[in-house]
């Protein structure tokens, strides 16, 4: 069969069936999967079709927004193992949103909570675990939506024991329960686990010989012994798709006067280590709830400096996710401006930051 005719036949099958697997095509057309794959790759490069899903769940659909959305609605489970070397939590989250329908149709408040909790927990594995790999799972097939992040590293409780020179894992668990604790104060404020534990229906940490579970349905915390040692750390987060939880209200509840909103002007006085604003966690808290504004003014009064991670999260990651939004600053100094510039942004003539 001539090359162009075979490509047209493949396209016809995909259009007729809405989505097909490579196995479907081999049964229908008669050629081997390796032979057909050459033409499928050509059609993908030409922009005619799109591949969604992984391995035996992968399907080909016509490259139209309607077809892609309909196919993604059926892909509600994600599982992948990543090398931690140069891994970005933001890139992983974008891959999940691009390749699946897990986030399609979710309420806005649930999306924001999942964005925050998943990013914080994956960032913890990347920065703290000392593992070579991390395993990520997301599941939205039932009324509850969950994610699990697992590594084979030092283990969270063991890490706390070593860093704080504690005698046992139970002391490490108790230390973690104090909230806002971190084993890497030069990079993190320690708020990620604290707030993640408040946001979902349940949040559980498995590591070493201990299981630490936060149950927000009955508002209680449980510590249990594991039947066998968990190498590294596994975190498991669950939230109801109909959850009414509001991420900004939860931040406000535990922040007191640490940050205040006045329409589009934000006082960036968050919980800090000394006088430093250093972490992506702090940046995410500052920007939470500001998606509806076109212009945002960040007031850095009484702040001496910010870290590169803080500036990068606000001025590169957050702005990239919210095109059309303008951010300007007041009461910043040359140290803060230098970190913002390092993130790739500079002041325009109107006092706004631009790429």
C-alpha atoms as a PDB file:
ATOM      1  CA  UNK A   1       0.000   0.000   0.000  1.00  0.00           C
ATOM      2  CA  UNK A   2       1.409   3.446  -0.924  1.00  0.00           C
ATOM      3  CA  UNK A   3       2.643   5.526   1.998  1.00  0.00           C
ATOM      4  CA  UNK A   4       0.056   8.302   1.633  1.00  0.00           C
ATOM      5  CA  UNK A   5      -2.808   5.821   1.361  1.00  0.00           C
ATOM      6  CA  UNK A   6      -1.718   4.082   4.561  1.00  0.00           C
ATOM      7  CA  UNK A   7      -1.520   7.406   6.406  1.00  0.00           C
ATOM      8  CA  UNK A   8      -5.011   8.318   5.182  1.00  0.00           C
ATOM      9  CA  UNK A   9      -6.301   4.923   6.302  1.00  0.00           C
ATOM     10  CA  UNK A  10      -4.826   5.449   9.771  1.00  0.00           C
ATOM     11  CA  UNK A  11      -6.380   8.911   9.986  1.00  0.00           C
ATOM     12  CA  UNK A  12      -9.708   7.528   8.862  1.00  0.00           C
ATOM     13  CA  UNK A  13      -9.677   4.873  11.582  1.00  0.00           C
ATOM     14  CA  UNK A  14      -8.838   7.422  14.257  1.00  0.00           C
ATOM     15  CA  UNK A  15     -11.572   9.816  13.093  1.00  0.00           C
ATOM     16  CA  UNK A  16     -14.146   7.019  12.940  1.00  0.00           C
ATOM     17  CA  UNK A  17     -13.341   5.554  16.374  1.00  0.00           C
ATOM     18  CA  UNK A  18     -12.453   8.868  18.122  1.00  0.00           C
ATOM     19  CA  UNK A  19      -9.411   7.186  19.688  1.00  0.00           C
ATOM     20  CA  UNK A  20      -7.381   4.054  18.901  1.00  0.00           C
ATOM     21  CA  UNK A  21      -4.480   2.102  20.330  1.00  0.00           C
ATOM     22  CA  UNK A  22      -1.625   0.679  18.281  1.00  0.00           C
ATOM     23  CA  UNK A  23      -3.161  -2.741  18.931  1.00  0.00           C
ATOM     24  CA  UNK A  24      -6.480  -1.579  17.443  1.00  0.00           C
ATOM     25  CA  UNK A  25      -4.721  -0.435  14.280  1.00  0.00           C
ATOM     26  CA  UNK A  26      -2.724  -3.625  13.798  1.00  0.00           C
ATOM     27  CA  UNK A  27      -5.907  -5.733  14.056  1.00  0.00           C
ATOM     28  CA  UNK A  28      -7.833  -3.500  11.670  1.00  0.00           C
ATOM     29  CA  UNK A  29      -5.179  -2.667   9.052  1.00  0.00           C
ATOM     30  CA  UNK A  30      -3.067  -5.795   9.227  1.00  0.00           C
ATOM     31  CA  UNK A  31       0.482  -4.453   9.422  1.00  0.00           C
ATOM     32  CA  UNK A  32       2.836  -4.968  12.365  1.00  0.00           C
ATOM     33  CA  UNK A  33       2.917  -2.425  15.166  1.00  0.00           C
ATOM     34  CA  UNK A  34       6.570  -1.524  14.445  1.00  0.00           C
ATOM     35  CA  UNK A  35       5.721  -0.798  10.795  1.00  0.00           C
ATOM     36  CA  UNK A  36       2.620   1.248  11.627  1.00  0.00           C
ATOM     37  CA  UNK A  37       4.516   3.162  14.296  1.00  0.00           C
ATOM     38  CA  UNK A  38       6.688   4.791  11.586  1.00  0.00           C
ATOM     39  CA  UNK A  39       3.587   6.362  10.025  1.00  0.00           C
ATOM     40  CA  UNK A  40       2.055   7.263  13.366  1.00  0.00           C
ATOM     41  CA  UNK A  41       5.224   9.159  14.250  1.00  0.00           C
ATOM     42  CA  UNK A  42       5.047  11.021  10.924  1.00  0.00           C
ATOM     43  CA  UNK A  43       1.429  11.992  11.541  1.00  0.00           C
ATOM     44  CA  UNK A  44       2.368  13.225  15.016  1.00  0.00           C
ATOM     45  CA  UNK A  45       5.233  15.321  13.637  1.00  0.00           C
ATOM     46  CA  UNK A  46       2.873  16.778  11.046  1.00  0.00           C
ATOM     47  CA  UNK A  47       0.451  17.760  13.816  1.00  0.00           C
ATOM     48  CA  UNK A  48      -2.393  15.569  12.535  1.00  0.00           C
ATOM     49  CA  UNK A  49      -2.696  13.312  15.583  1.00  0.00           C
ATOM     50  CA  UNK A  50      -1.775  13.329  19.277  1.00  0.00           C
ATOM     51  CA  UNK A  51      -0.677  10.487  21.570  1.00  0.00           C
ATOM     52  CA  UNK A  52      -2.216  10.527  25.047  1.00  0.00           C
ATOM     53  CA  UNK A  53      -1.489   8.262  27.996  1.00  0.00           C
ATOM     54  CA  UNK A  54       1.400   5.885  28.644  1.00  0.00           C
ATOM     55  CA  UNK A  55       2.380   2.329  27.624  1.00  0.00           C
ATOM     56  CA  UNK A  56      -0.642   0.022  27.233  1.00  0.00           C
ATOM     57  CA  UNK A  57      -3.028   2.895  28.053  1.00  0.00           C
ATOM     58  CA  UNK A  58      -1.727   5.121  25.256  1.00  0.00           C
ATOM     59  CA  UNK A  59      -4.267   6.186  22.616  1.00  0.00           C
ATOM     60  CA  UNK A  60      -4.049   8.189  19.390  1.00  0.00           C
ATOM     61  CA  UNK A  61      -6.611  10.923  18.722  1.00  0.00           C
ATOM     62  CA  UNK A  62      -7.092  13.593  16.067  1.00  0.00           C
ATOM     63  CA  UNK A  63      -5.220  16.780  16.969  1.00  0.00           C
ATOM     64  CA  UNK A  64      -8.273  18.895  17.735  1.00  0.00           C
ATOM     65  CA  UNK A  65      -9.079  20.455  21.085  1.00  0.00           C
ATOM     66  CA  UNK A  66     -12.456  18.726  21.281  1.00  0.00           C
ATOM     67  CA  UNK A  67     -11.023  15.276  20.499  1.00  0.00           C
ATOM     68  CA  UNK A  68      -8.130  15.706  22.925  1.00  0.00           C
ATOM     69  CA  UNK A  69     -10.414  16.787  25.784  1.00  0.00           C
ATOM     70  CA  UNK A  70     -12.818  13.890  25.202  1.00  0.00           C
ATOM     71  CA  UNK A  71      -9.938  11.388  25.206  1.00  0.00           C
ATOM     72  CA  UNK A  72      -8.328  12.915  28.288  1.00  0.00           C
ATOM     73  CA  UNK A  73     -11.591  12.600  30.238  1.00  0.00           C
ATOM     74  CA  UNK A  74     -11.058   8.832  30.214  1.00  0.00           C
ATOM     75  CA  UNK A  75      -7.457   9.042  31.462  1.00  0.00           C
ATOM     76  CA  UNK A  76      -7.897   9.479  35.202  1.00  0.00           C
ATOM     77  CA  UNK A  77      -4.854   7.579  36.484  1.00  0.00           C
ATOM     78  CA  UNK A  78      -1.188   8.521  36.190  1.00  0.00           C
ATOM     79  CA  UNK A  79       1.895   6.582  37.278  1.00  0.00           C
ATOM     80  CA  UNK A  80       5.505   7.363  36.429  1.00  0.00           C
ATOM     81  CA  UNK A  81       8.961   7.045  37.955  1.00  0.00           C
ATOM     82  CA  UNK A  82      11.347   9.973  37.499  1.00  0.00           C
ATOM     83  CA  UNK A  83      15.054  10.490  37.995  1.00  0.00           C
ATOM     84  CA  UNK A  84      15.432  13.201  40.628  1.00  0.00           C
ATOM     85  CA  UNK A  85      18.462  14.685  38.888  1.00  0.00           C
ATOM     86  CA  UNK A  86      17.382  18.103  37.533  1.00  0.00           C
ATOM     87  CA  UNK A  87      13.710  17.250  38.136  1.00  0.00           C
ATOM     88  CA  UNK A  88      11.235  20.131  38.473  1.00  0.00           C
ATOM     89  CA  UNK A  89       7.966  19.669  40.360  1.00  0.00           C
ATOM     90  CA  UNK A  90       6.363  22.268  38.104  1.00  0.00           C
ATOM     91  CA  UNK A  91       7.259  20.284  34.978  1.00  0.00           C
ATOM     92  CA  UNK A  92       5.837  17.057  36.450  1.00  0.00           C
ATOM     93  CA  UNK A  93       2.550  18.756  37.334  1.00  0.00           C
ATOM     94  CA  UNK A  94       2.299  20.217  33.836  1.00  0.00           C
ATOM     95  CA  UNK A  95       2.906  16.759  32.340  1.00  0.00           C
ATOM     96  CA  UNK A  96       0.060  15.298  34.401  1.00  0.00           C
ATOM     97  CA  UNK A  97      -2.286  18.067  33.279  1.00  0.00           C
ATOM     98  CA  UNK A  98      -1.177  17.718  29.669  1.00  0.00           C
ATOM     99  CA  UNK A  99      -1.350  13.924  29.461  1.00  0.00           C
ATOM    100  CA  UNK A 100      -4.458  13.174  31.549  1.00  0.00           C
ATOM    101  CA  UNK A 101      -7.930  14.409  32.392  1.00  0.00           C
ATOM    102  CA  UNK A 102      -7.314  14.286  36.139  1.00  0.00           C
ATOM    103  CA  UNK A 103      -7.708  18.054  36.545  1.00  0.00           C
ATOM    104  CA  UNK A 104     -10.508  18.477  33.984  1.00  0.00           C
ATOM    105  CA  UNK A 105     -13.807  19.502  35.536  1.00  0.00           C
ATOM    106  CA  UNK A 106     -12.447  19.845  39.066  1.00  0.00           C
ATOM    107  CA  UNK A 107     -13.708  22.704  41.190  1.00  0.00           C
ATOM    108  CA  UNK A 108     -11.333  25.655  41.249  1.00  0.00           C
ATOM    109  CA  UNK A 109     -10.664  25.392  44.994  1.00  0.00           C
ATOM    110  CA  UNK A 110      -9.759  21.692  44.654  1.00  0.00           C
ATOM    111  CA  UNK A 111      -7.416  22.427  41.734  1.00  0.00           C
ATOM    112  CA  UNK A 112      -5.590  25.073  43.756  1.00  0.00           C
ATOM    113  CA  UNK A 113      -5.211  22.730  46.730  1.00  0.00           C
ATOM    114  CA  UNK A 114      -3.872  19.904  44.554  1.00  0.00           C
ATOM    115  CA  UNK A 115      -1.472  22.291  42.784  1.00  0.00           C
ATOM    116  CA  UNK A 116      -0.066  23.451  46.106  1.00  0.00           C
ATOM    117  CA  UNK A 117       0.025  20.125  47.968  1.00  0.00           C
ATOM    118  CA  UNK A 118       1.495  18.114  45.091  1.00  0.00           C
ATOM    119  CA  UNK A 119       4.139  20.747  44.273  1.00  0.00           C
ATOM    120  CA  UNK A 120       5.195  21.035  47.904  1.00  0.00           C
ATOM    121  CA  UNK A 121       5.469  17.291  48.491  1.00  0.00           C
ATOM    122  CA  UNK A 122       7.332  16.572  45.253  1.00  0.00           C
ATOM    123  CA  UNK A 123       9.678  19.482  45.956  1.00  0.00           C
ATOM    124  CA  UNK A 124      10.393  17.963  49.379  1.00  0.00           C
ATOM    125  CA  UNK A 125      11.369  14.664  47.741  1.00  0.00           C
ATOM    126  CA  UNK A 126      13.580  16.450  45.219  1.00  0.00           C
ATOM    127  CA  UNK A 127      15.352  18.640  47.767  1.00  0.00           C
ATOM    128  CA  UNK A 128      15.487  16.454  50.887  1.00  0.00           C
ATOM    129  CA  UNK A 129      15.222  12.744  50.115  1.00  0.00           C
ATOM    130  CA  UNK A 130      18.743  12.086  48.733  1.00  0.00           C
ATOM    131  CA  UNK A 131      17.053   9.484  46.539  1.00  0.00           C
ATOM    132  CA  UNK A 132      17.983   8.823  42.915  1.00  0.00           C
ATOM    133  CA  UNK A 133      14.373   8.451  41.833  1.00  0.00           C
ATOM    134  CA  UNK A 134      10.849   9.394  42.822  1.00  0.00           C
ATOM    135  CA  UNK A 135       7.639   7.535  41.990  1.00  0.00           C
ATOM    136  CA  UNK A 136       4.501   9.611  41.306  1.00  0.00           C
ATOM    137  CA  UNK A 137       0.907   8.370  41.202  1.00  0.00           C
ATOM    138  CA  UNK A 138      -2.312  10.346  40.699  1.00  0.00           C
ATOM    139  CA  UNK A 139      -5.806   8.819  40.796  1.00  0.00           C
ATOM    140  CA  UNK A 140      -9.143  10.526  40.070  1.00  0.00           C
ATOM    141  CA  UNK A 141     -11.209   7.471  39.115  1.00  0.00           C
ATOM    142  CA  UNK A 142     -13.495   7.631  42.160  1.00  0.00           C
ATOM    143  CA  UNK A 143     -15.229  10.350  44.173  1.00  0.00           C
ATOM    144  CA  UNK A 144     -11.953  11.013  45.970  1.00  0.00           C
ATOM    145  CA  UNK A 145      -8.843  12.255  44.182  1.00  0.00           C
ATOM    146  CA  UNK A 146      -5.443  11.258  45.514  1.00  0.00           C
ATOM    147  CA  UNK A 147      -1.747  11.375  44.834  1.00  0.00           C
ATOM    148  CA  UNK A 148       1.172   9.376  46.210  1.00  0.00           C
ATOM    149  CA  UNK A 149       4.848  10.341  46.067  1.00  0.00           C
ATOM    150  CA  UNK A 150       7.463   7.781  47.066  1.00  0.00           C
ATOM    151  CA  UNK A 151      11.265   7.767  47.157  1.00  0.00           C
ATOM    152  CA  UNK A 152      14.034   5.435  48.338  1.00  0.00           C
ATOM    153  CA  UNK A 153      16.127   8.014  50.145  1.00  0.00           C
ATOM    154  CA  UNK A 154      17.123   8.814  53.709  1.00  0.00           C
ATOM    155  CA  UNK A 155      13.541   8.961  55.022  1.00  0.00           C
ATOM    156  CA  UNK A 156      11.890  12.048  56.502  1.00  0.00           C
ATOM    157  CA  UNK A 157      11.950  10.948  60.135  1.00  0.00           C
ATOM    158  CA  UNK A 158      15.516   9.674  59.914  1.00  0.00           C
ATOM    159  CA  UNK A 159      16.549  12.953  58.276  1.00  0.00           C
ATOM    160  CA  UNK A 160      14.989  14.951  61.113  1.00  0.00           C
ATOM    161  CA  UNK A 161      16.655  12.664  63.676  1.00  0.00           C
ATOM    162  CA  UNK A 162      20.101  13.224  62.157  1.00  0.00           C
ATOM    163  CA  UNK A 163      19.702  16.955  61.573  1.00  0.00           C
ATOM    164  CA  UNK A 164      18.310  17.730  65.020  1.00  0.00           C
ATOM    165  CA  UNK A 165      20.323  15.044  66.823  1.00  0.00           C
ATOM    166  CA  UNK A 166      17.226  13.344  68.199  1.00  0.00           C
ATOM    167  CA  UNK A 167      17.214   9.910  69.814  1.00  0.00           C
ATOM    168  CA  UNK A 168      14.306   8.209  68.063  1.00  0.00           C
ATOM    169  CA  UNK A 169      11.806   8.348  65.217  1.00  0.00           C
ATOM    170  CA  UNK A 170       8.994   9.208  67.621  1.00  0.00           C
ATOM    171  CA  UNK A 171      10.932  12.320  68.673  1.00  0.00           C
ATOM    172  CA  UNK A 172      11.292  13.188  64.984  1.00  0.00           C
ATOM    173  CA  UNK A 173       7.531  12.783  64.468  1.00  0.00           C
ATOM    174  CA  UNK A 174       6.843  14.999  67.473  1.00  0.00           C
ATOM    175  CA  UNK A 175       9.264  17.588  66.108  1.00  0.00           C
ATOM    176  CA  UNK A 176       7.505  17.553  62.740  1.00  0.00           C
ATOM    177  CA  UNK A 177       4.116  17.990  64.405  1.00  0.00           C
ATOM    178  CA  UNK A 178       5.237  21.328  65.809  1.00  0.00           C
ATOM    179  CA  UNK A 179       4.815  22.727  62.299  1.00  0.00           C
ATOM    180  CA  UNK A 180       7.004  25.034  60.231  1.00  0.00           C
ATOM    181  CA  UNK A 181      10.082  22.908  60.842  1.00  0.00           C
ATOM    182  CA  UNK A 182      12.681  22.169  58.163  1.00  0.00           C
ATOM    183  CA  UNK A 183      15.946  20.276  57.866  1.00  0.00           C
ATOM    184  CA  UNK A 184      17.158  22.746  55.210  1.00  0.00           C
ATOM    185  CA  UNK A 185      16.480  26.292  56.497  1.00  0.00           C
ATOM    186  CA  UNK A 186      18.693  27.781  53.800  1.00  0.00           C
ATOM    187  CA  UNK A 187      16.191  26.588  51.150  1.00  0.00           C
ATOM    188  CA  UNK A 188      12.831  25.993  52.869  1.00  0.00           C
ATOM    189  CA  UNK A 189      10.647  27.539  55.554  1.00  0.00           C
ATOM    190  CA  UNK A 190       9.183  24.150  56.507  1.00  0.00           C
ATOM    191  CA  UNK A 191       5.597  25.202  55.827  1.00  0.00           C
ATOM    192  CA  UNK A 192       4.863  22.744  52.998  1.00  0.00           C
ATOM    193  CA  UNK A 193       3.980  19.739  55.191  1.00  0.00           C
ATOM    194  CA  UNK A 194       2.259  21.956  57.769  1.00  0.00           C
ATOM    195  CA  UNK A 195      -0.222  23.421  55.278  1.00  0.00           C
ATOM    196  CA  UNK A 196      -0.580  20.297  53.144  1.00  0.00           C
ATOM    197  CA  UNK A 197      -1.699  18.431  56.262  1.00  0.00           C
ATOM    198  CA  UNK A 198      -4.549  20.954  56.686  1.00  0.00           C
ATOM    199  CA  UNK A 199      -5.840  21.054  53.110  1.00  0.00           C
ATOM    200  CA  UNK A 200      -7.165  17.599  52.198  1.00  0.00           C
ATOM    201  CA  UNK A 201      -9.465  14.979  53.672  1.00  0.00           C
ATOM    202  CA  UNK A 202      -6.418  13.020  54.823  1.00  0.00           C
ATOM    203  CA  UNK A 203      -2.647  13.229  54.545  1.00  0.00           C
ATOM    204  CA  UNK A 204      -0.337  10.376  55.539  1.00  0.00           C
ATOM    205  CA  UNK A 205       3.450  10.032  55.774  1.00  0.00           C
ATOM    206  CA  UNK A 206       5.062   6.565  55.828  1.00  0.00           C
ATOM    207  CA  UNK A 207       8.763   6.344  56.634  1.00  0.00           C
ATOM    208  CA  UNK A 208      11.058   4.101  58.634  1.00  0.00           C
ATOM    209  CA  UNK A 209       8.963   2.372  61.281  1.00  0.00           C
ATOM    210  CA  UNK A 210       6.282   5.059  61.602  1.00  0.00           C
ATOM    211  CA  UNK A 211       3.051   6.160  59.932  1.00  0.00           C
ATOM    212  CA  UNK A 212       1.850   9.699  60.626  1.00  0.00           C
ATOM    213  CA  UNK A 213      -1.735  10.391  59.517  1.00  0.00           C
ATOM    214  CA  UNK A 214      -3.671  13.667  59.575  1.00  0.00           C
ATOM    215  CA  UNK A 215      -7.416  12.968  59.331  1.00  0.00           C
ATOM    216  CA  UNK A 216      -9.239  16.241  58.700  1.00  0.00           C
ATOM    217  CA  UNK A 217     -12.664  14.608  58.511  1.00  0.00           C
ATOM    218  CA  UNK A 218     -12.585  13.860  62.233  1.00  0.00           C
ATOM    219  CA  UNK A 219      -9.900  16.489  62.966  1.00  0.00           C
ATOM    220  CA  UNK A 220      -7.403  14.129  64.538  1.00  0.00           C
ATOM    221  CA  UNK A 221      -3.809  12.958  64.136  1.00  0.00           C
ATOM    222  CA  UNK A 222      -2.600   9.361  64.451  1.00  0.00           C
ATOM    223  CA  UNK A 223       0.853   7.834  64.897  1.00  0.00           C
ATOM    224  CA  UNK A 224       1.163   4.117  64.181  1.00  0.00           C
ATOM    225  CA  UNK A 225       3.968   1.551  63.977  1.00  0.00           C
ATOM    226  CA  UNK A 226       4.487  -0.036  60.552  1.00  0.00           C
ATOM    227  CA  UNK A 227       4.604  -3.811  60.179  1.00  0.00           C
ATOM    228  CA  UNK A 228       7.809  -3.507  58.170  1.00  0.00           C
ATOM    229  CA  UNK A 229      10.320  -0.742  57.633  1.00  0.00           C
ATOM    230  CA  UNK A 230       9.517   1.716  54.850  1.00  0.00           C
ATOM    231  CA  UNK A 231      12.740   2.649  53.079  1.00  0.00           C
ATOM    232  CA  UNK A 232      12.668   6.302  52.087  1.00  0.00           C
ATOM    233  CA  UNK A 233       9.398   8.224  52.354  1.00  0.00           C
ATOM    234  CA  UNK A 234       5.887   7.756  50.988  1.00  0.00           C
ATOM    235  CA  UNK A 235       3.337  10.577  51.248  1.00  0.00           C
ATOM    236  CA  UNK A 236      -0.319   9.996  50.410  1.00  0.00           C
ATOM    237  CA  UNK A 237      -2.790  12.867  50.003  1.00  0.00           C
ATOM    238  CA  UNK A 238      -6.574  12.536  49.557  1.00  0.00           C
ATOM    239  CA  UNK A 239      -9.249  15.145  48.917  1.00  0.00           C
ATOM    240  CA  UNK A 240     -12.944  14.886  48.072  1.00  0.00           C
ATOM    241  CA  UNK A 241     -13.795  16.258  44.616  1.00  0.00           C
ATOM    242  CA  UNK A 242     -16.637  18.168  46.269  1.00  0.00           C
ATOM    243  CA  UNK A 243     -14.428  19.613  49.025  1.00  0.00           C
ATOM    244  CA  UNK A 244     -15.356  23.115  50.163  1.00  0.00           C
ATOM    245  CA  UNK A 245     -11.869  23.798  51.546  1.00  0.00           C
ATOM    246  CA  UNK A 246     -10.472  27.214  50.621  1.00  0.00           C
ATOM    247  CA  UNK A 247      -6.694  27.449  50.434  1.00  0.00           C
ATOM    248  CA  UNK A 248      -6.573  31.181  51.162  1.00  0.00           C
ATOM    249  CA  UNK A 249      -8.789  30.858  54.236  1.00  0.00           C
ATOM    250  CA  UNK A 250      -6.574  28.092  55.591  1.00  0.00           C
ATOM    251  CA  UNK A 251      -3.440  30.176  54.984  1.00  0.00           C
ATOM    252  CA  UNK A 252      -5.100  33.161  56.676  1.00  0.00           C
ATOM    253  CA  UNK A 253      -6.206  31.053  59.651  1.00  0.00           C
ATOM    254  CA  UNK A 254      -2.615  30.097  60.468  1.00  0.00           C
ATOM    255  CA  UNK A 255      -0.949  33.309  59.358  1.00  0.00           C
ATOM    256  CA  UNK A 256      -2.611  35.905  61.584  1.00  0.00           C
ATOM    257  CA  UNK A 257      -1.210  39.271  60.519  1.00  0.00           C
ATOM    258  CA  UNK A 258       1.656  37.741  58.573  1.00  0.00           C
ATOM    259  CA  UNK A 259       0.135  38.681  55.259  1.00  0.00           C
ATOM    260  CA  UNK A 260      -2.806  40.884  54.321  1.00  0.00           C
ATOM    261  CA  UNK A 261      -4.707  41.522  51.093  1.00  0.00           C
ATOM    262  CA  UNK A 262      -6.087  44.896  50.053  1.00  0.00           C
ATOM    263  CA  UNK A 263      -7.580  44.308  46.613  1.00  0.00           C
ATOM    264  CA  UNK A 264      -4.524  43.967  44.379  1.00  0.00           C
ATOM    265  CA  UNK A 265      -1.939  45.109  46.909  1.00  0.00           C
ATOM    266  CA  UNK A 266      -0.219  42.392  48.940  1.00  0.00           C
ATOM    267  CA  UNK A 267       1.891  42.940  52.028  1.00  0.00           C
ATOM    268  CA  UNK A 268       4.545  40.236  51.717  1.00  0.00           C
ATOM    269  CA  UNK A 269       5.133  39.727  55.414  1.00  0.00           C
ATOM    270  CA  UNK A 270       5.037  35.952  55.640  1.00  0.00           C
ATOM    271  CA  UNK A 271       6.399  33.596  58.221  1.00  0.00           C
ATOM    272  CA  UNK A 272      10.146  33.877  57.826  1.00  0.00           C
ATOM    273  CA  UNK A 273      13.478  32.506  58.929  1.00  0.00           C
ATOM    274  CA  UNK A 274      15.045  35.542  60.555  1.00  0.00           C
ATOM    275  CA  UNK A 275      14.549  38.384  58.077  1.00  0.00           C
ATOM    276  CA  UNK A 276      14.736  36.201  54.966  1.00  0.00           C
ATOM    277  CA  UNK A 277      12.042  35.140  52.512  1.00  0.00           C
ATOM    278  CA  UNK A 278      13.632  32.165  50.854  1.00  0.00           C
ATOM    279  CA  UNK A 279      11.328  29.371  49.795  1.00  0.00           C
ATOM    280  CA  UNK A 280       8.911  28.470  47.025  1.00  0.00           C
ATOM    281  CA  UNK A 281       6.432  27.525  49.750  1.00  0.00           C
ATOM    282  CA  UNK A 282       6.399  31.114  51.012  1.00  0.00           C
ATOM    283  CA  UNK A 283       6.023  32.423  47.462  1.00  0.00           C
ATOM    284  CA  UNK A 284       3.059  30.118  46.786  1.00  0.00           C
ATOM    285  CA  UNK A 285       1.355  31.351  49.939  1.00  0.00           C
ATOM    286  CA  UNK A 286       1.853  34.967  48.872  1.00  0.00           C
ATOM    287  CA  UNK A 287       0.346  34.338  45.433  1.00  0.00           C
ATOM    288  CA  UNK A 288      -2.521  32.066  46.531  1.00  0.00           C
ATOM    289  CA  UNK A 289      -5.905  33.621  45.706  1.00  0.00           C
ATOM    290  CA  UNK A 290      -4.534  36.338  43.386  1.00  0.00           C
ATOM    291  CA  UNK A 291      -5.472  34.611  40.115  1.00  0.00           C
ATOM    292  CA  UNK A 292      -8.447  36.918  39.536  1.00  0.00           C
ATOM    293  CA  UNK A 293      -6.406  40.136  39.464  1.00  0.00           C
ATOM    294  CA  UNK A 294      -4.809  41.654  36.377  1.00  0.00           C
ATOM    295  CA  UNK A 295      -2.450  43.918  38.343  1.00  0.00           C
ATOM    296  CA  UNK A 296      -0.722  42.872  41.553  1.00  0.00           C
ATOM    297  CA  UNK A 297       1.414  45.126  43.726  1.00  0.00           C
ATOM    298  CA  UNK A 298       3.806  43.366  46.092  1.00  0.00           C
ATOM    299  CA  UNK A 299       4.790  45.486  49.081  1.00  0.00           C
ATOM    300  CA  UNK A 300       8.237  44.506  50.447  1.00  0.00           C
ATOM    301  CA  UNK A 301       8.193  46.920  53.370  1.00  0.00           C
ATOM    302  CA  UNK A 302      10.356  45.713  56.287  1.00  0.00           C
ATOM    303  CA  UNK A 303      11.846  42.929  54.129  1.00  0.00           C
ATOM    304  CA  UNK A 304      15.614  43.005  53.614  1.00  0.00           C
ATOM    305  CA  UNK A 305      15.985  40.365  50.929  1.00  0.00           C
ATOM    306  CA  UNK A 306      14.361  37.386  49.216  1.00  0.00           C
ATOM    307  CA  UNK A 307      15.854  34.127  47.996  1.00  0.00           C
ATOM    308  CA  UNK A 308      16.266  33.035  44.398  1.00  0.00           C
ATOM    309  CA  UNK A 309      13.636  30.285  44.827  1.00  0.00           C
ATOM    310  CA  UNK A 310      11.101  32.826  46.127  1.00  0.00           C
ATOM    311  CA  UNK A 311      11.727  35.229  43.224  1.00  0.00           C
ATOM    312  CA  UNK A 312      11.724  32.427  40.641  1.00  0.00           C
ATOM    313  CA  UNK A 313       8.408  31.015  41.878  1.00  0.00           C
ATOM    314  CA  UNK A 314       6.678  34.431  41.720  1.00  0.00           C
ATOM    315  CA  UNK A 315       8.220  36.036  38.644  1.00  0.00           C
ATOM    316  CA  UNK A 316       8.834  33.009  36.404  1.00  0.00           C
ATOM    317  CA  UNK A 317       6.629  30.061  37.422  1.00  0.00           C
ATOM    318  CA  UNK A 318       3.543  31.949  38.655  1.00  0.00           C
ATOM    319  CA  UNK A 319       3.588  34.571  35.893  1.00  0.00           C
ATOM    320  CA  UNK A 320       4.028  31.865  33.248  1.00  0.00           C
ATOM    321  CA  UNK A 321       0.892  30.186  34.608  1.00  0.00           C
ATOM    322  CA  UNK A 322      -1.059  33.469  34.583  1.00  0.00           C
ATOM    323  CA  UNK A 323      -0.395  35.282  31.276  1.00  0.00           C
ATOM    324  CA  UNK A 324      -1.722  38.823  31.105  1.00  0.00           C
ATOM    325  CA  UNK A 325      -1.173  39.517  34.810  1.00  0.00           C
ATOM    326  CA  UNK A 326       1.181  42.368  35.710  1.00  0.00           C
ATOM    327  CA  UNK A 327       3.240  42.416  38.893  1.00  0.00           C
ATOM    328  CA  UNK A 328       4.892  45.524  40.299  1.00  0.00           C
ATOM    329  CA  UNK A 329       6.648  46.154  43.615  1.00  0.00           C
ATOM    330  CA  UNK A 330       6.845  48.875  46.222  1.00  0.00           C
ATOM    331  CA  UNK A 331       9.348  49.316  49.033  1.00  0.00           C
ATOM    332  CA  UNK A 332      11.809  46.872  47.460  1.00  0.00           C
ATOM    333  CA  UNK A 333      15.556  47.411  47.671  1.00  0.00           C
ATOM    334  CA  UNK A 334      18.482  46.577  45.415  1.00  0.00           C
ATOM    335  CA  UNK A 335      18.890  43.119  46.983  1.00  0.00           C
ATOM    336  CA  UNK A 336      15.290  42.153  46.212  1.00  0.00           C
ATOM    337  CA  UNK A 337      15.471  43.715  42.741  1.00  0.00           C
ATOM    338  CA  UNK A 338      18.628  41.728  42.006  1.00  0.00           C
ATOM    339  CA  UNK A 339      16.885  38.412  42.815  1.00  0.00           C
ATOM    340  CA  UNK A 340      13.903  39.348  40.634  1.00  0.00           C
ATOM    341  CA  UNK A 341      16.225  40.307  37.786  1.00  0.00           C
ATOM    342  CA  UNK A 342      18.038  36.998  38.205  1.00  0.00           C
ATOM    343  CA  UNK A 343      14.699  35.238  37.671  1.00  0.00           C
ATOM    344  CA  UNK A 344      14.656  36.819  34.215  1.00  0.00           C
ATOM    345  CA  UNK A 345      12.496  39.901  34.775  1.00  0.00           C
ATOM    346  CA  UNK A 346      13.201  43.623  34.755  1.00  0.00           C
ATOM    347  CA  UNK A 347      11.254  46.810  35.399  1.00  0.00           C
ATOM    348  CA  UNK A 348       9.607  48.514  32.426  1.00  0.00           C
ATOM    349  CA  UNK A 349       8.940  52.241  32.150  1.00  0.00           C
ATOM    350  CA  UNK A 350       5.637  51.879  34.020  1.00  0.00           C
ATOM    351  CA  UNK A 351       7.200  50.181  37.012  1.00  0.00           C
ATOM    352  CA  UNK A 352       5.943  46.689  36.117  1.00  0.00           C
ATOM    353  CA  UNK A 353       8.136  43.635  35.710  1.00  0.00           C
ATOM    354  CA  UNK A 354       8.487  42.229  32.216  1.00  0.00           C
ATOM    355  CA  UNK A 355      10.436  39.375  30.635  1.00  0.00           C
END
